[in-house]
C-alpha atoms as a PDB file:
ATOM      1  CA  UNK A   1     -71.689-143.701  66.949  1.00  0.00           C
ATOM      2  CA  UNK A   2     -69.613-141.937  64.311  1.00  0.00           C
ATOM      3  CA  UNK A   3     -72.237-139.180  64.153  1.00  0.00           C
ATOM      4  CA  UNK A   4     -71.784-138.480  67.869  1.00  0.00           C
ATOM      5  CA  UNK A   5     -68.016-138.309  67.424  1.00  0.00           C
ATOM      6  CA  UNK A   6     -68.323-135.952  64.464  1.00  0.00           C
ATOM      7  CA  UNK A   7     -70.537-133.608  66.499  1.00  0.00           C
ATOM      8  CA  UNK A   8     -67.821-133.359  69.139  1.00  0.00           C
ATOM      9  CA  UNK A   9     -65.092-132.400  66.663  1.00  0.00           C
ATOM     10  CA  UNK A  10     -63.901-128.848  66.375  1.00  0.00           C
ATOM     11  CA  UNK A  11     -65.300-126.871  63.479  1.00  0.00           C
ATOM     12  CA  UNK A  12     -62.925-125.656  60.791  1.00  0.00           C
ATOM     13  CA  UNK A  13     -63.571-122.045  61.812  1.00  0.00           C
ATOM     14  CA  UNK A  14     -62.421-122.806  65.362  1.00  0.00           C
ATOM     15  CA  UNK A  15     -59.293-124.496  64.041  1.00  0.00           C
ATOM     16  CA  UNK A  16     -58.506-121.595  61.709  1.00  0.00           C
ATOM     17  CA  UNK A  17     -59.074-119.045  64.480  1.00  0.00           C
ATOM     18  CA  UNK A  18     -56.858-121.014  66.855  1.00  0.00           C
ATOM     19  CA  UNK A  19     -54.131-121.256  64.221  1.00  0.00           C
ATOM     20  CA  UNK A  20     -54.356-117.515  63.513  1.00  0.00           C
ATOM     21  CA  UNK A  21     -54.129-116.665  67.218  1.00  0.00           C
ATOM     22  CA  UNK A  22     -51.114-118.960  67.592  1.00  0.00           C
ATOM     23  CA  UNK A  23     -49.370-117.225  64.684  1.00  0.00           C
ATOM     24  CA  UNK A  24     -50.223-113.678  65.829  1.00  0.00           C
ATOM     25  CA  UNK A  25     -50.294-113.701  69.656  1.00  0.00           C
ATOM     26  CA  UNK A  26     -49.664-109.982  70.147  1.00  0.00           C
ATOM     27  CA  UNK A  27     -52.314-108.992  67.638  1.00  0.00           C
ATOM     28  CA  UNK A  28     -54.915-111.276  69.181  1.00  0.00           C
ATOM     29  CA  UNK A  29     -54.142-110.015  72.695  1.00  0.00           C
ATOM     30  CA  UNK A  30     -54.378-106.461  71.383  1.00  0.00           C
ATOM     31  CA  UNK A  31     -57.827-107.203  70.022  1.00  0.00           C
ATOM     32  CA  UNK A  32     -58.762-108.693  73.388  1.00  0.00           C
ATOM     33  CA  UNK A  33     -57.561-105.582  75.220  1.00  0.00           C
ATOM     34  CA  UNK A  34     -59.585-103.456  72.816  1.00  0.00           C
ATOM     35  CA  UNK A  35     -62.737-105.560  72.928  1.00  0.00           C
ATOM     36  CA  UNK A  36     -62.957-106.072  76.683  1.00  0.00           C
ATOM     37  CA  UNK A  37     -63.264-102.395  77.716  1.00  0.00           C
ATOM     38  CA  UNK A  38     -65.726-101.757  74.886  1.00  0.00           C
ATOM     39  CA  UNK A  39     -67.780-104.749  75.992  1.00  0.00           C
ATOM     40  CA  UNK A  40     -67.762-103.577  79.594  1.00  0.00           C
ATOM     41  CA  UNK A  41     -68.762-100.082  78.518  1.00  0.00           C
ATOM     42  CA  UNK A  42     -71.631-101.490  76.462  1.00  0.00           C
ATOM     43  CA  UNK A  43     -72.738-103.587  79.442  1.00  0.00           C
ATOM     44  CA  UNK A  44     -72.773-100.521  81.713  1.00  0.00           C
ATOM     45  CA  UNK A  45     -74.831 -98.507  79.213  1.00  0.00           C
ATOM     46  CA  UNK A  46     -77.225-101.417  78.736  1.00  0.00           C
ATOM     47  CA  UNK A  47     -77.671-101.772  82.492  1.00  0.00           C
ATOM     48  CA  UNK A  48     -78.285 -98.031  82.816  1.00  0.00           C
ATOM     49  CA  UNK A  49     -80.898 -98.196  80.058  1.00  0.00           C
ATOM     50  CA  UNK A  50     -82.613-101.172  81.687  1.00  0.00           C
ATOM     51  CA  UNK A  51     -82.876 -99.208  84.934  1.00  0.00           C
ATOM     52  CA  UNK A  52     -83.672 -95.778  83.457  1.00  0.00           C
ATOM     53  CA  UNK A  53     -86.271 -96.781  80.865  1.00  0.00           C
ATOM     54  CA  UNK A  54     -88.916 -98.116  83.304  1.00  0.00           C
ATOM     55  CA  UNK A  55     -88.377 -95.157  85.641  1.00  0.00           C
ATOM     56  CA  UNK A  56     -88.779 -92.686  82.765  1.00  0.00           C
ATOM     57  CA  UNK A  57     -91.887 -94.542  81.566  1.00  0.00           C
ATOM     58  CA  UNK A  58     -93.316 -94.558  85.093  1.00  0.00           C
ATOM     59  CA  UNK A  59     -92.953 -90.789  85.481  1.00  0.00           C
ATOM     60  CA  UNK A  60     -94.270 -90.053  81.992  1.00  0.00           C
ATOM     61  CA  UNK A  61     -91.031 -88.812  80.473  1.00  0.00           C
ATOM     62  CA  UNK A  62     -91.400 -91.001  77.393  1.00  0.00           C
END
């Protein structure tokens, strides 16, 4: 039973990250504002590649 409980505990990395975010809220929100648009941009480019690659292969452009 103690093994099951230990698997449910938070890892030390999660605790340290949570503590750091609590101590630096503006910095962590700034990183979030920076990471979200970059992530969305990467998702758009990935989606465009997923659509364009088969079409280019189909028409012999590759």
